[in-house]
Amino acid sequence: MNQTTAPAFNLLDEPWIPLRMLDGTARDVSLRTALLEATKITALLEASPTSLIALHRLLLAMLHRALTTHQQTWKDSDRARWYREGLPETAIRDYLAQWRDRFWLFHPKHPFMQVAELSDWGETSSAVFPVSSVAINLLYGTAMFEHGVYDRSSYEAGYAMRLLLGYLQFTPGGFFPGKKLKSSERAGPLANTAAVLPVGETLAETLLIGLHPPTPRHIQDLPAWEQEPPTNEVLRGSARLATGPNDRYTRQTRAALLVADTASADRRIRQVFIAAGISLDEDAQAPDPMTSYRMSKEGKALRLSFQDGRALWRELPALVPDATGTFNQPAAILSGATNLYARMGRLDAPIPVLVAGLTSDQAKLLRWRTDRVDLPLALLTDPDAAAELRAQISVAERLYFRLRAICAEAIAAAMPDPSHKDTRARARSLLDAGPTAPLFFSAAERALPNLMNRIAIGDVDAAHLQWQASMKLAVQRAWSATCRMLGESPPALRAIARAESSIARLLHALDEPDTAESPKEATP
C-alpha cells in the first residue's frame, strides 16, 4: 500500500471548495480564501446536500474558534458589526496560521479529519475499501462496504475530502465487517435528518447568521483538528457527548484514512481505510443546533426529515416557535438568526432558510434533497403568528386526507369487486401514484408566500380568506385530475357521480367558521 509520508495538499491553500462569486463566476477556492474573501462569495456550489451542510459546519467551527481564540466572547452587536463590515480578518489569519499544520490532507501523523495509524494497526490494516465507500448516496441502500457494489474509480483529492466530511456527519449506524474496532457503530449527528441553515446574500452573512454563541469559559469545545488524534483505545471506547457545536460539527464518527495514489501527479484518491470512530452520544437537553423536531401523536420528538417525499412547506410547523413544546422544537440556529436580524433592525426582511439532508430507513437511502424557503421574521419570533401558520397548514393536511379518502373510494367503486380489501388497497396505490396529491399540494404551495406574509403583518382574517380560497381551488383541481384518471367508462361515471356530493360537502365545510382549527388542535 503506497502511503504518503510527507505532508501534502494543505486544505488552507489548495482550491477544493466549489462556490459562486458575487460577479456570477464559479470557482474552486481554499479554506483560507473562503473565510477571508467571504464577502465576495455568494454561496457554496456543492451539489451533494450532505457535503453542502458538512462544509458549512466546518466553516462555522473554524470561524467560531478563530473568534474564541482572538477575543473569547462576543455579542450580537459584534455580529451585527461584522455583518456590515466583514468577518474579522486578523482573528482568522492568526488562527489559520496557528493551526496550519493540522490542515494537511496527507500527513504522516495528523491528516485532516483522519486517523493516520489505521494502515498500521493489525486489526484495521485490512479495512481498506474503494474511495467511493464514503460517498453517502452510495453507502446508503447497499451492502455496507462490500467491494463489488462500489465504483472503483479514483477521486480528485478535494472532492474526496468533501465526500468524507458529508459521510462523517450523515453516516448511518450499523455493523462493520470483521468487527474493525467495534462490532457496530452509532450514526453520525445528522443521520436521517433535514438540516436547517439560515443563509444570507454572501457567505460572510451566512456564517454570521449561523454562528453559534460563544463557548462558556469553563468548557473546552474543540474541533477535531485541535484535539489529539484518536487512539485505538478511544476509538474502541464508549460513546461521548459532544462538548459543544465545534465538537459536534467535526466529530470523527468513523475513523478514516484516505490513500493517495502516488503514481498520479495530482495525488488522486483511489482507496480509503474505514473503521469505527468516536461514537456520538446524544443529549436531549443539547440537541444539534441545525436539527428541528416535530412531535408525534404519541408525544415523541422526531427529527425533521424529508419524509414521504413531502414538500418542505408542509414541514414549516417544525421550523417556527412553539412556546408549549406540544408541536415542535425548532433548530437553535434559527434563534441566533432572529436575534441578529432583530439587532440590525431588519424586522421586515424574511430570513432565507436552506434545508438539506436525507431520509433513510434502516440504512436505506429513501431520498436526499436541498430546499429553500423564505420565512418572515414574525413567524420566527411571534408565537401567535407561528400558531396561526400551524393552524392553516393543518387545514391543508386534514383537507387533503379527507379528499384522498373520497378519491380512493371513487377509484375503488370503478373497479370490479369494489368492497374487497385488495381492491381498496389497489385503489389507494393508484391514487398515490397519480396526479391528485401533486396538484393539490402545488396549488397550496403557490398560495403559501401570501399566507405567510399576511400572517406576519397581523392580517389574520385576510390570510384565512385567501388560504380558504386556495384550498377550494386545490380541491377542485385535484378532483378534476382524479376524474380524468378514472376515464369515462360507465362504472367510472357512476363512481364520479356518487362522489360529487362528498366533494361538494368538503368544499362547503371550508366556509364554516371553525374550519381552521385552533392552534391547540392543529397537530401536524
Protein backbone atom coordinates (compact mmCIF):
# COMPACT_ATOMS: atom_id res chain seq x y z
CA MET A 1 0.00 0.00 0.00
CA ASN A 2 1.53 3.32 -1.06
CA GLN A 3 1.08 5.77 1.80
CA THR A 4 2.04 9.43 1.74
CA THR A 5 4.89 10.09 4.19
CA ALA A 6 5.41 13.80 3.57
CA PRO A 7 2.74 16.45 4.21
CA ALA A 8 0.83 17.29 1.04
CA PHE A 9 -2.30 19.11 -0.12
CA ASN A 10 -2.90 21.71 2.56
CA LEU A 11 -6.61 22.50 2.61
CA LEU A 12 -5.90 26.10 3.60
CA ASP A 13 -4.04 26.66 0.32
CA GLU A 14 -5.38 24.23 -2.28
CA PRO A 15 -8.58 25.11 -4.19
CA TRP A 16 -11.12 22.39 -3.35
CA ILE A 17 -14.37 24.12 -2.30
CA PRO A 18 -16.72 24.97 -5.21
CA LEU A 19 -18.54 28.29 -4.89
CA ARG A 20 -20.10 31.18 -6.77
CA MET A 21 -18.64 34.66 -6.57
CA LEU A 22 -20.66 37.87 -6.44
CA ASP A 23 -19.89 38.51 -10.11
CA GLY A 24 -21.59 35.24 -11.01
CA THR A 25 -18.47 33.24 -11.83
CA ALA A 26 -17.92 29.79 -10.36
CA ARG A 27 -14.56 28.72 -9.00
CA ASP A 28 -12.88 26.41 -6.51
CA VAL A 29 -11.15 28.03 -3.55
CA SER A 30 -9.21 27.04 -0.44
CA LEU A 31 -10.48 27.23 3.12
CA ARG A 32 -8.38 30.35 3.66
CA THR A 33 -9.92 32.11 0.67
CA ALA A 34 -13.43 31.02 1.62
CA LEU A 35 -13.09 32.72 5.01
CA LEU A 36 -11.01 35.76 4.12
CA GLU A 37 -12.97 36.58 0.95
CA ALA A 38 -16.38 35.50 2.26
CA THR A 39 -17.90 38.91 1.47
CA LYS A 40 -17.14 38.33 -2.24
CA ILE A 41 -18.76 34.87 -2.27
CA THR A 42 -22.46 34.31 -2.86
CA ALA A 43 -22.77 30.66 -1.85
CA LEU A 44 -21.19 27.23 -1.92
CA LEU A 45 -21.93 25.27 -5.09
CA GLU A 46 -21.64 21.79 -3.60
CA ALA A 47 -24.23 19.55 -5.28
CA SER A 48 -24.42 16.91 -2.55
CA PRO A 49 -26.80 18.03 0.24
CA THR A 50 -24.75 16.14 2.84
CA SER A 51 -21.42 17.64 1.80
CA LEU A 52 -23.03 21.08 1.50
CA ILE A 53 -24.15 21.06 5.12
CA ALA A 54 -20.89 19.50 6.32
CA LEU A 55 -18.82 22.22 4.60
CA HIS A 56 -20.89 24.93 6.27
CA ARG A 57 -20.43 23.23 9.63
CA LEU A 58 -16.68 23.07 9.05
CA LEU A 59 -16.51 26.79 8.21
CA LEU A 60 -18.71 27.68 11.20
CA ALA A 61 -16.44 25.74 13.55
CA MET A 62 -13.35 27.43 12.10
CA LEU A 63 -14.84 30.91 12.42
CA HIS A 64 -16.05 30.20 15.94
CA ARG A 65 -12.63 29.02 17.07
CA ALA A 66 -10.89 31.98 15.40
CA LEU A 67 -13.14 34.38 17.30
CA THR A 68 -12.81 32.42 20.54
CA THR A 69 -9.02 32.39 20.30
CA HIS A 70 -8.90 36.09 19.42
CA GLN A 71 -11.36 37.53 21.93
CA GLN A 72 -13.04 34.67 23.83
CA THR A 73 -16.54 36.14 23.69
CA TRP A 74 -18.77 38.37 21.56
CA LYS A 75 -22.29 39.76 21.46
CA ASP A 76 -24.99 40.19 18.84
CA SER A 77 -23.78 43.77 18.43
CA ASP A 78 -20.39 42.35 17.34
CA ARG A 79 -22.09 40.02 14.86
CA ALA A 80 -24.06 42.97 13.51
CA ARG A 81 -20.86 44.99 13.06
CA TRP A 82 -19.12 42.12 11.27
CA TYR A 83 -22.25 41.68 9.15
CA ARG A 84 -21.84 45.27 7.97
CA GLU A 85 -18.04 45.40 7.79
CA GLY A 86 -16.99 41.82 7.02
CA LEU A 87 -15.50 38.99 9.05
CA PRO A 88 -12.64 39.93 11.43
CA GLU A 89 -9.67 39.27 9.18
CA THR A 90 -6.93 39.44 11.83
CA ALA A 91 -8.59 36.83 14.02
CA ILE A 92 -8.99 34.48 11.06
CA ARG A 93 -5.44 34.92 9.76
CA ASP A 94 -3.91 34.35 13.19
CA TYR A 95 -5.98 31.25 13.82
CA LEU A 96 -5.21 29.69 10.44
CA ALA A 97 -1.51 30.34 10.92
CA GLN A 98 -1.60 28.74 14.37
CA TRP A 99 -3.23 25.53 13.15
CA ARG A 100 -1.85 25.35 9.64
CA ASP A 101 -0.06 22.04 10.23
CA ARG A 102 -3.34 20.31 11.12
CA PHE A 103 -4.92 21.03 7.72
CA TRP A 104 -2.75 18.74 5.58
CA LEU A 105 -4.94 16.24 3.77
CA PHE A 106 -1.96 13.86 3.67
CA HIS A 107 0.29 13.78 6.73
CA PRO A 108 2.23 11.01 8.48
CA LYS A 109 0.73 11.88 11.91
CA HIS A 110 -2.07 14.43 11.55
CA PRO A 111 -4.00 14.02 8.30
CA PHE A 112 -7.02 16.33 8.45
CA MET A 113 -10.10 14.65 9.98
CA GLN A 114 -8.41 11.25 9.60
CA VAL A 115 -6.54 8.64 11.65
CA ALA A 116 -3.03 8.01 10.33
CA GLU A 117 -2.50 4.77 12.27
CA LEU A 118 -5.34 2.86 10.59
CA SER A 119 -3.00 1.43 7.98
CA ASP A 120 -0.60 0.19 10.70
CA TRP A 121 -2.87 -1.31 13.35
CA GLY A 122 -3.17 -5.04 12.81
CA GLU A 123 -6.93 -5.08 13.15
CA THR A 124 -7.59 -2.22 10.74
CA SER A 125 -4.74 -2.70 8.26
CA SER A 126 -7.05 -4.78 6.07
CA ALA A 127 -10.03 -2.41 6.35
CA VAL A 128 -9.34 -0.72 3.04
CA PHE A 129 -12.13 -0.04 0.54
CA PRO A 130 -12.76 1.88 -2.67
CA VAL A 131 -12.87 5.62 -2.01
CA SER A 132 -16.49 5.70 -3.22
CA SER A 133 -17.33 3.98 0.09
CA VAL A 134 -17.51 7.45 1.65
CA ALA A 135 -19.99 8.70 -0.96
CA ILE A 136 -23.05 8.83 1.26
CA ASN A 137 -25.51 8.25 -1.59
CA LEU A 138 -23.68 5.01 -2.44
CA LEU A 139 -23.28 3.96 1.17
CA TYR A 140 -27.00 4.02 1.90
CA GLY A 141 -29.02 1.28 0.30
CA THR A 142 -26.13 -1.10 -0.38
CA ALA A 143 -24.49 -3.98 1.41
CA MET A 144 -22.24 -1.81 3.51
CA PHE A 145 -18.60 -1.89 2.44
CA GLU A 146 -18.90 -4.80 0.04
CA HIS A 147 -16.21 -4.09 -2.51
CA GLY A 148 -18.22 -5.17 -5.52
CA VAL A 149 -21.05 -2.65 -5.11
CA TYR A 150 -18.96 0.50 -5.36
CA ASP A 151 -17.50 2.47 -8.19
CA ARG A 152 -13.77 1.74 -8.19
CA SER A 153 -12.65 4.90 -9.98
CA SER A 154 -10.32 7.37 -8.32
CA TYR A 155 -11.43 10.77 -7.00
CA GLU A 156 -9.70 14.11 -7.03
CA ALA A 157 -8.32 14.80 -3.57
CA GLY A 158 -10.54 17.80 -2.75
CA TYR A 159 -13.67 16.01 -3.93
CA ALA A 160 -12.81 13.01 -1.76
CA MET A 161 -12.42 15.34 1.21
CA ARG A 162 -15.86 16.87 0.61
CA LEU A 163 -17.37 13.39 0.44
CA LEU A 164 -15.64 12.39 3.67
CA LEU A 165 -16.98 15.43 5.53
CA GLY A 166 -20.54 14.62 4.48
CA TYR A 167 -20.00 10.97 5.35
CA LEU A 168 -18.85 11.73 8.90
CA GLN A 169 -21.92 13.88 9.56
CA PHE A 170 -24.64 11.79 7.88
CA THR A 171 -23.39 8.21 8.10
CA PRO A 172 -25.95 5.68 9.36
CA GLY A 173 -25.38 3.45 12.34
CA GLY A 174 -24.56 -0.14 11.57
CA PHE A 175 -22.17 -3.04 11.59
CA PHE A 176 -18.58 -3.18 10.45
CA PRO A 177 -17.25 -6.16 8.50
CA GLY A 178 -14.74 -8.09 10.52
CA LYS A 179 -15.58 -6.04 13.63
CA LYS A 180 -12.99 -3.35 13.00
CA LEU A 181 -12.51 -1.85 16.48
CA LYS A 182 -16.22 -2.33 17.25
CA SER A 183 -18.83 -4.77 16.01
CA SER A 184 -21.16 -1.86 15.23
CA GLU A 185 -21.15 1.90 15.43
CA ARG A 186 -23.60 4.71 16.10
CA ALA A 187 -24.85 7.04 13.42
CA GLY A 188 -23.43 10.45 12.61
CA PRO A 189 -25.00 13.56 14.16
CA LEU A 190 -27.22 14.28 11.13
CA ALA A 191 -28.20 10.78 10.04
CA ASN A 192 -31.77 10.72 8.71
CA THR A 193 -32.04 14.49 9.14
CA ALA A 194 -33.01 17.51 7.07
CA ALA A 195 -30.56 20.05 8.50
CA VAL A 196 -31.61 23.69 8.81
CA LEU A 197 -29.30 26.54 7.77
CA PRO A 198 -30.36 30.21 7.54
CA VAL A 199 -28.44 31.90 4.73
CA GLY A 200 -27.51 35.41 3.69
CA GLU A 201 -26.65 37.12 0.42
CA THR A 202 -22.96 36.32 0.90
CA LEU A 203 -21.02 33.53 2.56
CA ALA A 204 -19.89 36.01 5.23
CA GLU A 205 -23.52 36.79 6.07
CA THR A 206 -24.41 33.09 6.13
CA LEU A 207 -21.61 32.33 8.59
CA LEU A 208 -22.53 35.22 10.88
CA ILE A 209 -26.23 34.36 10.80
CA GLY A 210 -25.48 30.74 11.70
CA LEU A 211 -22.63 31.41 14.15
CA HIS A 212 -23.30 29.61 17.43
CA PRO A 213 -22.93 31.50 20.75
CA PRO A 214 -19.56 31.88 22.48
CA THR A 215 -18.41 28.87 24.45
CA PRO A 216 -18.51 29.34 28.25
CA ARG A 217 -15.04 29.78 29.68
CA HIS A 218 -15.20 26.60 31.74
CA ILE A 219 -15.89 24.44 28.66
CA GLN A 220 -13.41 23.40 26.01
CA ASP A 221 -15.40 22.86 22.82
CA LEU A 222 -12.64 21.93 20.39
CA PRO A 223 -12.95 20.85 16.75
CA ALA A 224 -11.28 17.65 15.63
CA TRP A 225 -8.07 19.28 14.38
CA GLU A 226 -7.37 20.93 17.77
CA GLN A 227 -7.69 17.60 19.55
CA GLU A 228 -5.09 14.88 19.71
CA PRO A 229 -5.60 12.16 17.07
CA PRO A 230 -7.87 9.44 18.46
CA THR A 231 -6.03 6.43 19.80
CA ASN A 232 -7.03 2.82 19.37
CA GLU A 233 -8.47 2.87 22.90
CA VAL A 234 -10.54 6.00 22.22
CA LEU A 235 -12.00 4.51 19.05
CA ARG A 236 -12.92 1.33 20.90
CA GLY A 237 -14.43 3.29 23.76
CA SER A 238 -17.99 4.18 24.67
CA ALA A 239 -19.99 6.95 23.09
CA ARG A 240 -19.16 10.50 24.15
CA LEU A 241 -21.38 13.54 24.48
CA ALA A 242 -20.39 16.48 22.32
CA THR A 243 -18.68 19.25 24.28
CA GLY A 244 -20.46 21.75 22.02
CA PRO A 245 -21.16 22.60 18.38
CA ASN A 246 -17.49 22.70 17.35
CA ASP A 247 -17.01 19.11 18.51
CA ARG A 248 -20.33 18.02 17.00
CA TYR A 249 -19.74 19.75 13.65
CA THR A 250 -16.37 18.00 13.21
CA ARG A 251 -16.85 14.74 15.14
CA GLN A 252 -14.88 11.84 13.63
CA THR A 253 -17.80 9.44 13.84
CA ARG A 254 -15.79 7.00 11.76
CA ALA A 255 -12.04 6.50 11.68
CA ALA A 256 -10.96 7.07 8.09
CA LEU A 257 -7.73 7.41 6.15
CA LEU A 258 -7.63 8.47 2.51
CA VAL A 259 -4.96 6.71 0.47
CA ALA A 260 -3.17 8.78 -2.15
CA ASP A 261 -2.30 7.23 -5.47
CA THR A 262 1.33 8.34 -5.54
CA ALA A 263 1.61 7.21 -9.15
CA SER A 264 -0.70 10.06 -10.20
CA ALA A 265 0.76 13.55 -10.40
CA ASP A 266 -2.28 15.14 -8.70
CA ARG A 267 -2.47 12.57 -5.87
CA ARG A 268 -5.89 11.20 -6.71
CA ILE A 269 -7.66 9.08 -4.11
CA ARG A 270 -8.50 5.51 -5.01
CA GLN A 271 -8.92 3.82 -1.62
CA VAL A 272 -9.82 4.61 1.98
CA PHE A 273 -9.38 2.83 5.31
CA ILE A 274 -12.57 2.83 7.40
CA ALA A 275 -13.22 1.63 10.93
CA ALA A 276 -15.37 2.55 13.92
CA GLY A 277 -14.94 6.10 15.16
CA ILE A 278 -15.63 8.31 18.16
CA SER A 279 -19.25 7.48 18.91
CA LEU A 280 -21.53 10.44 19.47
CA ASP A 281 -23.83 10.19 22.47
CA GLU A 282 -26.94 12.36 22.24
CA ASP A 283 -28.16 14.66 25.00
CA ALA A 284 -31.85 15.58 24.82
CA GLN A 285 -31.00 18.84 26.58
CA ALA A 286 -28.41 19.82 23.96
CA PRO A 287 -29.80 18.88 20.52
CA ASP A 288 -27.94 19.57 17.30
CA PRO A 289 -28.20 23.32 16.51
CA MET A 290 -29.27 22.56 12.92
CA THR A 291 -31.91 19.96 13.77
CA SER A 292 -35.62 20.71 14.18
CA TYR A 293 -38.02 18.30 15.81
CA ARG A 294 -41.73 17.73 15.38
CA MET A 295 -43.83 15.94 17.95
CA SER A 296 -45.62 12.72 17.03
CA LYS A 297 -49.15 11.97 18.19
CA GLU A 298 -47.56 9.85 20.92
CA GLY A 299 -45.56 12.86 22.13
CA LYS A 300 -42.23 11.62 20.81
CA ALA A 301 -39.78 14.11 19.31
CA LEU A 302 -38.99 13.17 15.70
CA ARG A 303 -36.19 14.74 13.70
CA LEU A 304 -37.22 16.81 10.73
CA SER A 305 -36.50 14.82 7.58
CA PHE A 306 -37.81 14.61 4.04
CA GLN A 307 -40.40 12.01 4.95
CA ASP A 308 -42.68 10.51 2.31
CA GLY A 309 -41.41 12.96 -0.31
CA ARG A 310 -43.39 15.75 1.38
CA ALA A 311 -42.80 19.30 0.16
CA LEU A 312 -40.81 21.41 2.61
CA TRP A 313 -43.66 23.84 3.28
CA ARG A 314 -45.66 21.01 4.88
CA GLU A 315 -42.88 20.79 7.48
CA LEU A 316 -42.89 24.51 8.34
CA PRO A 317 -44.56 23.87 11.72
CA ALA A 318 -41.27 22.28 12.79
CA LEU A 319 -39.37 25.49 12.00
CA VAL A 320 -41.50 28.06 13.85
CA PRO A 321 -41.57 28.60 17.63
CA ASP A 322 -43.90 26.72 19.92
CA ALA A 323 -43.94 28.01 23.49
CA THR A 324 -45.83 24.94 24.71
CA GLY A 325 -43.48 22.37 23.21
CA THR A 326 -46.54 20.45 22.07
CA PHE A 327 -45.92 20.55 18.34
CA ASN A 328 -42.27 21.15 17.63
CA GLN A 329 -38.80 22.22 18.67
CA PRO A 330 -37.17 24.50 16.06
CA ALA A 331 -33.45 24.31 15.36
CA ALA A 332 -31.45 26.55 17.70
CA ILE A 333 -29.64 28.09 14.73
CA LEU A 334 -32.88 29.86 13.80
CA SER A 335 -32.96 31.61 17.15
CA GLY A 336 -29.48 33.00 16.55
CA ALA A 337 -30.59 34.23 13.14
CA THR A 338 -33.62 36.05 14.51
CA ASN A 339 -31.52 37.66 17.24
CA LEU A 340 -29.13 39.05 14.64
CA TYR A 341 -31.92 40.31 12.39
CA ALA A 342 -33.63 42.00 15.34
CA ARG A 343 -30.34 43.60 16.44
CA MET A 344 -29.86 45.01 12.95
CA GLY A 345 -33.43 46.29 12.75
CA ARG A 346 -34.26 44.07 9.79
CA LEU A 347 -37.75 43.39 11.10
CA ASP A 348 -39.40 43.36 7.67
CA ALA A 349 -36.80 41.23 5.92
CA PRO A 350 -37.55 37.50 5.57
CA ILE A 351 -34.88 35.01 6.62
CA PRO A 352 -33.94 32.63 3.78
CA VAL A 353 -33.62 29.14 5.21
CA LEU A 354 -31.83 26.29 3.47
CA VAL A 355 -32.94 22.78 4.44
CA ALA A 356 -30.72 19.96 3.19
CA GLY A 357 -30.04 16.37 4.08
CA LEU A 358 -31.51 12.94 3.66
CA THR A 359 -34.18 10.50 4.75
CA SER A 360 -33.29 6.87 5.32
CA ASP A 361 -34.86 3.69 6.58
CA GLN A 362 -32.55 1.17 8.22
CA ALA A 363 -29.52 2.36 6.25
CA LYS A 364 -31.51 2.52 3.01
CA LEU A 365 -31.49 5.92 1.33
CA LEU A 366 -35.04 6.98 0.51
CA ARG A 367 -34.28 10.48 -0.73
CA TRP A 368 -31.92 13.41 -0.30
CA ARG A 369 -32.75 16.97 -1.13
CA THR A 370 -31.88 20.62 -0.83
CA ASP A 371 -34.79 23.05 -0.40
CA ARG A 372 -35.14 26.71 0.48
CA VAL A 373 -37.92 28.79 1.98
CA ASP A 374 -38.07 32.49 2.94
CA LEU A 375 -39.56 32.87 6.42
CA PRO A 376 -40.90 36.26 7.55
CA LEU A 377 -39.21 37.25 10.80
CA ALA A 378 -42.54 37.48 12.67
CA LEU A 379 -43.15 33.77 12.13
CA LEU A 380 -39.89 33.00 13.91
CA THR A 381 -40.38 35.44 16.79
CA ASP A 382 -44.13 35.75 17.42
CA PRO A 383 -45.71 32.61 18.95
CA ASP A 384 -49.20 33.76 17.93
CA ALA A 385 -48.15 34.17 14.29
CA ALA A 386 -46.43 30.79 14.39
CA ALA A 387 -49.56 29.19 15.88
CA GLU A 388 -51.70 30.69 13.10
CA LEU A 389 -49.38 29.28 10.46
CA ARG A 390 -49.53 25.85 12.08
CA ALA A 391 -53.32 26.02 12.14
CA GLN A 392 -53.60 26.92 8.45
CA ILE A 393 -51.15 24.25 7.35
CA SER A 394 -53.11 21.79 9.46
CA VAL A 395 -56.22 22.79 7.49
CA ALA A 396 -54.45 21.81 4.28
CA GLU A 397 -53.22 18.50 5.69
CA ARG A 398 -56.60 17.48 7.09
CA LEU A 399 -58.40 18.62 3.95
CA TYR A 400 -56.14 16.54 1.73
CA PHE A 401 -56.63 13.36 3.73
CA ARG A 402 -60.42 13.80 3.53
CA LEU A 403 -60.07 14.40 -0.21
CA ARG A 404 -57.81 11.37 -0.53
CA ALA A 405 -60.42 9.15 1.13
CA ILE A 406 -63.13 10.35 -1.29
CA CYS A 407 -60.90 9.87 -4.34
CA ALA A 408 -59.75 6.42 -3.24
CA GLU A 409 -63.37 5.38 -2.70
CA ALA A 410 -64.29 6.61 -6.20
CA ILE A 411 -61.40 4.72 -7.80
CA ALA A 412 -62.34 1.53 -5.97
CA ALA A 413 -66.00 1.96 -6.97
CA ALA A 414 -64.98 1.99 -10.64
CA MET A 415 -63.25 -1.40 -10.27
CA PRO A 416 -64.68 -4.91 -10.12
CA ASP A 417 -65.49 -6.06 -6.58
CA PRO A 418 -65.12 -2.55 -5.09
CA SER A 419 -65.72 -3.60 -1.48
CA HIS A 420 -62.86 -6.13 -1.36
CA LYS A 421 -59.90 -5.02 0.74
CA ASP A 422 -57.43 -5.80 -2.07
CA THR A 423 -59.41 -3.58 -4.43
CA ARG A 424 -59.34 -0.73 -1.92
CA ALA A 425 -55.63 -1.17 -1.37
CA ARG A 426 -55.01 -1.11 -5.12
CA ALA A 427 -57.17 1.99 -5.44
CA ARG A 428 -55.10 3.79 -2.81
CA SER A 429 -51.89 2.77 -4.57
CA LEU A 430 -53.17 4.07 -7.92
CA LEU A 431 -54.23 7.32 -6.27
CA ASP A 432 -50.87 7.86 -4.56
CA ALA A 433 -49.05 7.25 -7.86
CA GLY A 434 -51.32 9.64 -9.75
CA PRO A 435 -51.59 13.43 -10.06
CA THR A 436 -54.08 14.06 -7.22
CA ALA A 437 -51.62 14.81 -4.42
CA PRO A 438 -49.10 16.79 -6.54
CA LEU A 439 -51.85 19.02 -7.92
CA PHE A 440 -53.41 19.63 -4.51
CA PHE A 441 -50.19 20.49 -2.74
CA SER A 442 -48.69 22.50 -5.61
CA ALA A 443 -51.82 24.70 -5.63
CA ALA A 444 -51.46 25.20 -1.88
CA GLU A 445 -47.73 25.88 -2.16
CA ARG A 446 -48.28 28.71 -4.64
CA ALA A 447 -50.51 30.44 -2.10
CA LEU A 448 -48.13 29.92 0.81
CA PRO A 449 -45.94 33.08 0.47
CA ASN A 450 -49.01 35.31 0.55
CA LEU A 451 -50.36 33.41 3.56
CA MET A 452 -47.11 33.80 5.49
CA ASN A 453 -46.76 37.48 4.64
CA ARG A 454 -50.32 38.28 5.71
CA ILE A 455 -49.92 36.41 8.97
CA ALA A 456 -46.61 38.17 9.58
CA ILE A 457 -48.19 41.64 9.32
CA GLY A 458 -51.10 40.60 11.54
CA ASP A 459 -53.75 40.49 8.82
CA VAL A 460 -55.07 37.13 10.02
CA ASP A 461 -58.60 37.45 8.64
CA ALA A 462 -57.34 38.17 5.14
CA ALA A 463 -54.82 35.35 5.47
CA HIS A 464 -57.61 32.93 6.38
CA LEU A 465 -59.85 34.02 3.48
CA GLN A 466 -57.01 33.80 0.98
CA TRP A 467 -55.97 30.35 2.20
CA GLN A 468 -59.58 29.20 2.18
CA ALA A 469 -59.95 30.20 -1.48
CA SER A 470 -56.66 28.47 -2.31
CA MET A 471 -57.81 25.28 -0.61
CA LYS A 472 -61.02 25.26 -2.65
CA LEU A 473 -59.02 25.65 -5.84
CA ALA A 474 -56.64 22.89 -4.76
CA VAL A 475 -59.54 20.50 -4.10
CA GLN A 476 -61.19 21.30 -7.43
CA ARG A 477 -58.01 20.79 -9.44
CA ALA A 478 -57.09 17.59 -7.64
CA TRP A 479 -60.60 16.16 -8.03
CA SER A 480 -60.68 17.04 -11.73
CA ALA A 481 -57.39 15.21 -12.21
CA THR A 482 -58.78 12.18 -10.41
CA CYS A 483 -61.85 12.19 -12.67
CA ARG A 484 -59.67 12.29 -15.77
CA MET A 485 -57.64 9.39 -14.39
CA LEU A 486 -60.85 7.37 -13.90
CA GLY A 487 -61.90 7.84 -17.51
CA GLU A 488 -65.41 7.71 -18.99
CA SER A 489 -66.47 4.09 -18.65
CA PRO A 490 -69.95 3.56 -17.20
CA PRO A 491 -68.59 2.32 -13.82
CA ALA A 492 -66.26 5.33 -13.69
CA LEU A 493 -69.00 7.83 -14.47
CA ARG A 494 -71.24 6.29 -11.81
CA ALA A 495 -68.42 6.44 -9.26
CA ILE A 496 -67.74 10.08 -10.10
CA ALA A 497 -71.41 10.99 -9.80
CA ARG A 498 -71.67 9.37 -6.37
CA ALA A 499 -68.53 11.12 -5.15
CA GLU A 500 -69.59 14.59 -6.32
CA SER A 501 -71.83 15.12 -3.28
CA SER A 502 -68.93 14.31 -0.95
CA ILE A 503 -66.70 16.78 -2.80
CA ALA A 504 -69.43 19.43 -2.52
CA ARG A 505 -69.69 18.88 1.24
CA LEU A 506 -65.91 19.08 1.51
CA LEU A 507 -65.88 22.45 -0.27
CA HIS A 508 -68.83 23.69 1.78
CA ALA A 509 -67.03 22.78 5.00
CA LEU A 510 -64.31 25.26 4.11
CA ASP A 511 -66.85 28.05 4.55
CA GLU A 512 -67.62 27.00 8.12
CA PRO A 513 -66.19 29.39 10.72
CA ASP A 514 -64.47 26.60 12.66
CA THR A 515 -62.69 25.09 9.64
CA ALA A 516 -59.31 26.44 10.75
CA GLU A 517 -58.63 24.55 13.94
CA SER A 518 -57.34 26.40 16.91
CA PRO A 519 -53.60 26.11 17.46
CA LYS A 520 -54.32 23.63 20.27
CA GLU A 521 -55.87 21.25 17.76
CA ALA A 522 -53.58 21.85 14.81
CA THR A 523 -51.25 18.92 15.23
CA PRO A 524 -49.06 18.44 12.11
